[in-house]
Amino acid sequence: MTEPSSYLRATADAYDAVAVLYAEFARDELDGQPLDRAFLAAFAELARTGPVVEVGCGPGRVVAHLHRLGLDISGVDLSPVMIDLARETYPELRFEVGSMDALDLADGSLHGVLSWYSVIHTPPKELPPYFTEFHRVLAPGGHLLLGFFEAEGEQVTDFDHKVVTAYRWPIDDLAALARAAGFVEVGRMTREPHEGERPFRQGRLLMRRAE
């Protein structure tokens, strides 16, 4: 395995350091988010015909939510501490340490990839290979769902995420990166932040690997 890039090491170390606090903070985040649950439910319906992986799964709460919706889903995360927490909390589910730019999966082996706020820490110039990797592991017709912070202007904007630097993306630009990697758009949604969230519009993109 090649040595991870410096920003990957920094991201893993940062989340290792706050894993327990983060898991507690994020544990019930979907409870008051009907629009997010609806988009995740649509993804689950489209991807339920085969295995699904959440990349950047953190402590596993979204993996568990989608498992309850009937998906054959597992999780991958850079942070060993996050994976330990996920395994402890959801022992019936599968979680592995790994990087979403080099997944230990066969070509075309998945029917769905979920990236729920996991590409937000990737420097913009480093992001295109991630979409190439998502395309590689998805079977033709498989679906990719992205959750992210939307930039309200026309440029990618960095911000202090408190854990490690993150980036907000114009939704059209993120969709264009996915199209360049061989995806077609199925649907999109933006919503305003709720109380207690960061004061940024939230974006969701549902893409399908071209046949």
Protein backbone atom coordinates (compact mmCIF):
# COMPACT_ATOMS: atom_id res chain seq x y z
CA MET A 1 0.00 0.00 0.00
CA THR A 2 1.37 3.41 -0.92
CA GLU A 3 2.08 6.00 1.76
CA PRO A 4 -0.99 8.22 2.26
CA SER A 5 -0.79 11.86 1.21
CA SER A 6 -0.11 14.43 3.90
CA TYR A 7 -3.69 15.76 3.90
CA LEU A 8 -5.00 12.20 4.34
CA ARG A 9 -2.72 11.62 7.32
CA ALA A 10 -3.75 14.98 8.78
CA THR A 11 -7.43 14.16 8.33
CA ALA A 12 -7.11 10.72 9.92
CA ASP A 13 -5.12 12.10 12.86
CA ALA A 14 -7.59 14.95 13.41
CA TYR A 15 -10.60 12.62 13.49
CA ASP A 16 -8.81 10.10 15.68
CA ALA A 17 -8.31 12.89 18.22
CA VAL A 18 -12.00 13.87 18.38
CA ALA A 19 -13.67 10.56 17.53
CA VAL A 20 -15.48 10.01 20.82
CA LEU A 21 -16.83 13.58 20.99
CA TYR A 22 -17.77 13.50 17.29
CA ALA A 23 -19.64 10.21 17.67
CA GLU A 24 -21.69 11.64 20.53
CA PHE A 25 -22.39 14.88 18.68
CA ALA A 26 -23.47 13.18 15.43
CA ARG A 27 -25.32 10.20 16.92
CA ASP A 28 -28.87 11.49 16.41
CA GLU A 29 -28.25 13.98 13.61
CA LEU A 30 -30.75 12.44 11.20
CA ASP A 31 -33.65 12.50 13.68
CA GLY A 32 -34.60 16.09 12.87
CA GLN A 33 -33.70 15.98 9.17
CA PRO A 34 -36.70 14.73 7.15
CA LEU A 35 -35.30 15.99 3.83
CA ASP A 36 -32.00 14.21 4.38
CA ARG A 37 -33.77 11.01 5.39
CA ALA A 38 -35.91 11.23 2.25
CA PHE A 39 -32.88 11.56 0.00
CA LEU A 40 -31.14 8.68 1.77
CA ALA A 41 -34.30 6.60 1.40
CA ALA A 42 -34.36 7.27 -2.35
CA PHE A 43 -30.73 6.21 -2.59
CA ALA A 44 -31.50 3.05 -0.59
CA GLU A 45 -34.35 2.14 -2.94
CA LEU A 46 -32.14 2.57 -6.00
CA ALA A 47 -29.14 0.71 -4.56
CA ARG A 48 -30.83 -2.15 -2.70
CA THR A 49 -30.09 -4.71 -5.46
CA GLY A 50 -26.50 -5.24 -4.30
CA PRO A 51 -23.70 -4.27 -1.92
CA VAL A 52 -23.18 -0.65 -0.90
CA VAL A 53 -20.28 1.09 0.85
CA GLU A 54 -20.24 4.36 2.75
CA VAL A 55 -16.84 5.98 2.28
CA GLY A 56 -15.80 8.16 5.20
CA CYS A 57 -18.36 6.45 7.42
CA GLY A 58 -17.09 7.88 10.71
CA PRO A 59 -18.70 6.18 13.73
CA GLY A 60 -21.20 4.37 11.52
CA ARG A 61 -24.51 6.07 12.26
CA VAL A 62 -25.51 6.51 8.57
CA VAL A 63 -24.42 2.96 7.72
CA ALA A 64 -26.71 1.74 10.52
CA HIS A 65 -29.58 3.93 9.28
CA LEU A 66 -29.32 2.55 5.74
CA HIS A 67 -28.96 -1.00 7.02
CA ARG A 68 -32.32 -0.53 8.77
CA LEU A 69 -33.72 0.50 5.38
CA GLY A 70 -32.68 -2.87 3.97
CA LEU A 71 -29.30 -2.20 2.38
CA ASP A 72 -26.39 -4.63 2.35
CA ILE A 73 -24.02 -1.88 3.45
CA SER A 74 -20.59 -1.61 5.03
CA GLY A 75 -18.37 1.33 5.97
CA VAL A 76 -14.82 2.49 5.28
CA ASP A 77 -12.98 5.30 7.05
CA LEU A 78 -9.43 6.65 7.31
CA SER A 79 -9.63 6.96 11.09
CA PRO A 80 -8.86 3.75 13.01
CA VAL A 81 -10.46 5.19 16.13
CA MET A 82 -13.68 5.94 14.24
CA ILE A 83 -13.73 2.38 12.91
CA ASP A 84 -13.20 0.98 16.40
CA LEU A 85 -16.18 3.02 17.63
CA ALA A 86 -18.34 1.89 14.71
CA ARG A 87 -17.51 -1.77 15.33
CA GLU A 88 -18.23 -1.41 19.03
CA THR A 89 -21.55 0.38 18.49
CA TYR A 90 -22.79 -1.74 15.57
CA PRO A 91 -21.13 -5.16 15.93
CA GLU A 92 -23.51 -6.73 13.42
CA LEU A 93 -22.21 -4.48 10.61
CA ARG A 94 -18.92 -4.43 8.66
CA PHE A 95 -16.42 -1.59 8.99
CA GLU A 96 -12.87 -1.36 7.65
CA VAL A 97 -10.02 1.16 7.81
CA GLY A 98 -9.25 2.46 4.33
CA SER A 99 -9.04 5.44 2.02
CA MET A 100 -11.79 6.28 -0.43
CA ASP A 101 -9.25 7.06 -3.16
CA ALA A 102 -7.93 3.45 -3.08
CA LEU A 103 -10.72 1.11 -2.06
CA ASP A 104 -9.90 -2.55 -1.53
CA LEU A 105 -12.76 -3.61 -3.78
CA ALA A 106 -13.05 -5.30 -7.15
CA ASP A 107 -14.05 -3.35 -10.25
CA GLY A 108 -17.82 -3.09 -10.62
CA SER A 109 -18.51 -4.83 -7.31
CA LEU A 110 -20.87 -2.27 -5.76
CA HIS A 111 -24.39 -1.11 -6.47
CA GLY A 112 -24.04 2.03 -4.39
CA VAL A 113 -21.44 4.39 -2.94
CA LEU A 114 -22.39 6.92 -0.27
CA SER A 115 -20.07 9.86 0.37
CA TRP A 116 -21.84 11.74 3.17
CA TYR A 117 -19.65 14.79 3.85
CA SER A 118 -16.53 12.69 3.26
CA VAL A 119 -15.13 14.58 0.24
CA ILE A 120 -15.31 17.92 2.04
CA HIS A 121 -11.77 17.67 3.41
CA THR A 122 -10.18 16.85 0.06
CA PRO A 123 -8.28 19.74 -1.55
CA PRO A 124 -10.06 20.63 -4.80
CA LYS A 125 -7.16 19.63 -7.07
CA GLU A 126 -7.05 16.21 -5.40
CA LEU A 127 -10.74 15.41 -5.80
CA PRO A 128 -11.09 14.13 -9.42
CA PRO A 129 -9.33 10.79 -8.70
CA TYR A 130 -11.90 10.07 -6.01
CA PHE A 131 -14.69 10.14 -8.57
CA THR A 132 -12.61 7.88 -10.81
CA GLU A 133 -12.34 5.42 -7.92
CA PHE A 134 -16.09 5.61 -7.19
CA HIS A 135 -16.74 4.90 -10.88
CA ARG A 136 -14.33 1.94 -10.83
CA VAL A 137 -15.97 0.12 -7.92
CA LEU A 138 -19.55 0.74 -9.05
CA ALA A 139 -21.28 -1.61 -11.46
CA PRO A 140 -22.81 0.01 -14.54
CA GLY A 141 -26.04 1.64 -13.41
CA GLY A 142 -24.84 1.84 -9.79
CA HIS A 143 -25.56 4.99 -7.80
CA LEU A 144 -23.40 7.54 -5.99
CA LEU A 145 -24.86 9.88 -3.38
CA LEU A 146 -22.86 12.90 -2.21
CA GLY A 147 -23.60 15.06 0.82
CA PHE A 148 -21.61 18.29 1.16
CA PHE A 149 -21.61 21.97 2.06
CA GLU A 150 -22.61 24.15 -0.88
CA ALA A 151 -20.69 27.28 -1.84
CA GLU A 152 -23.11 30.08 -2.56
CA GLY A 153 -20.83 31.81 -5.06
CA GLU A 154 -19.04 30.46 -8.11
CA GLN A 155 -15.85 29.25 -6.44
CA VAL A 156 -14.83 26.51 -4.06
CA THR A 157 -14.43 28.05 -0.61
CA ASP A 158 -12.38 26.69 2.28
CA PHE A 159 -13.49 27.12 5.88
CA ASP A 160 -12.54 26.15 9.41
CA HIS A 161 -14.34 22.89 10.04
CA LYS A 162 -12.95 22.78 13.62
CA VAL A 163 -11.66 19.24 13.02
CA VAL A 164 -9.60 19.92 9.89
CA THR A 165 -9.87 22.31 6.91
CA ALA A 166 -12.91 21.68 4.72
CA TYR A 167 -14.28 22.98 1.43
CA ARG A 168 -17.65 24.19 0.20
CA TRP A 169 -18.48 23.41 -3.44
CA PRO A 170 -20.80 25.04 -5.97
CA ILE A 171 -23.21 22.23 -6.73
CA ASP A 172 -22.79 22.60 -10.50
CA ASP A 173 -19.01 22.25 -10.20
CA LEU A 174 -19.24 19.08 -8.12
CA ALA A 175 -21.74 17.63 -10.58
CA ALA A 176 -19.37 18.47 -13.43
CA LEU A 177 -16.52 16.57 -11.74
CA ALA A 178 -18.75 13.53 -11.43
CA ARG A 179 -19.86 13.77 -15.07
CA ALA A 180 -16.23 13.96 -16.18
CA ALA A 181 -15.63 10.65 -14.39
CA GLY A 182 -18.50 8.93 -16.21
CA PHE A 183 -21.56 9.68 -14.10
CA VAL A 184 -24.92 11.08 -15.11
CA GLU A 185 -27.03 13.14 -12.76
CA VAL A 186 -30.23 11.65 -11.35
CA GLY A 187 -31.24 14.42 -8.96
CA ARG A 188 -30.09 17.12 -6.59
CA MET A 189 -31.29 18.95 -3.51
CA THR A 190 -30.18 21.91 -1.47
CA ARG A 191 -31.54 22.95 1.87
CA GLU A 192 -30.90 25.71 4.33
CA PRO A 193 -29.03 24.94 7.56
CA HIS A 194 -31.02 23.98 10.62
CA GLU A 195 -30.46 25.42 14.07
CA GLY A 196 -27.19 24.11 15.47
CA GLU A 197 -25.66 23.37 12.07
CA ARG A 198 -22.90 25.33 10.42
CA PRO A 199 -24.41 28.38 8.67
CA PHE A 200 -23.97 26.98 5.17
CA ARG A 201 -26.44 25.67 2.65
CA GLN A 202 -26.35 21.86 2.41
CA GLY A 203 -26.12 20.07 -0.93
CA ARG A 204 -26.99 16.56 -2.08
CA LEU A 205 -26.20 15.05 -5.48
CA LEU A 206 -27.46 11.69 -6.70
CA MET A 207 -25.48 10.35 -9.65
CA ARG A 208 -25.56 7.12 -11.66
CA ARG A 209 -22.65 5.37 -13.34
CA ALA A 210 -23.30 5.38 -17.07
CA GLU A 211 -24.13 2.00 -18.59
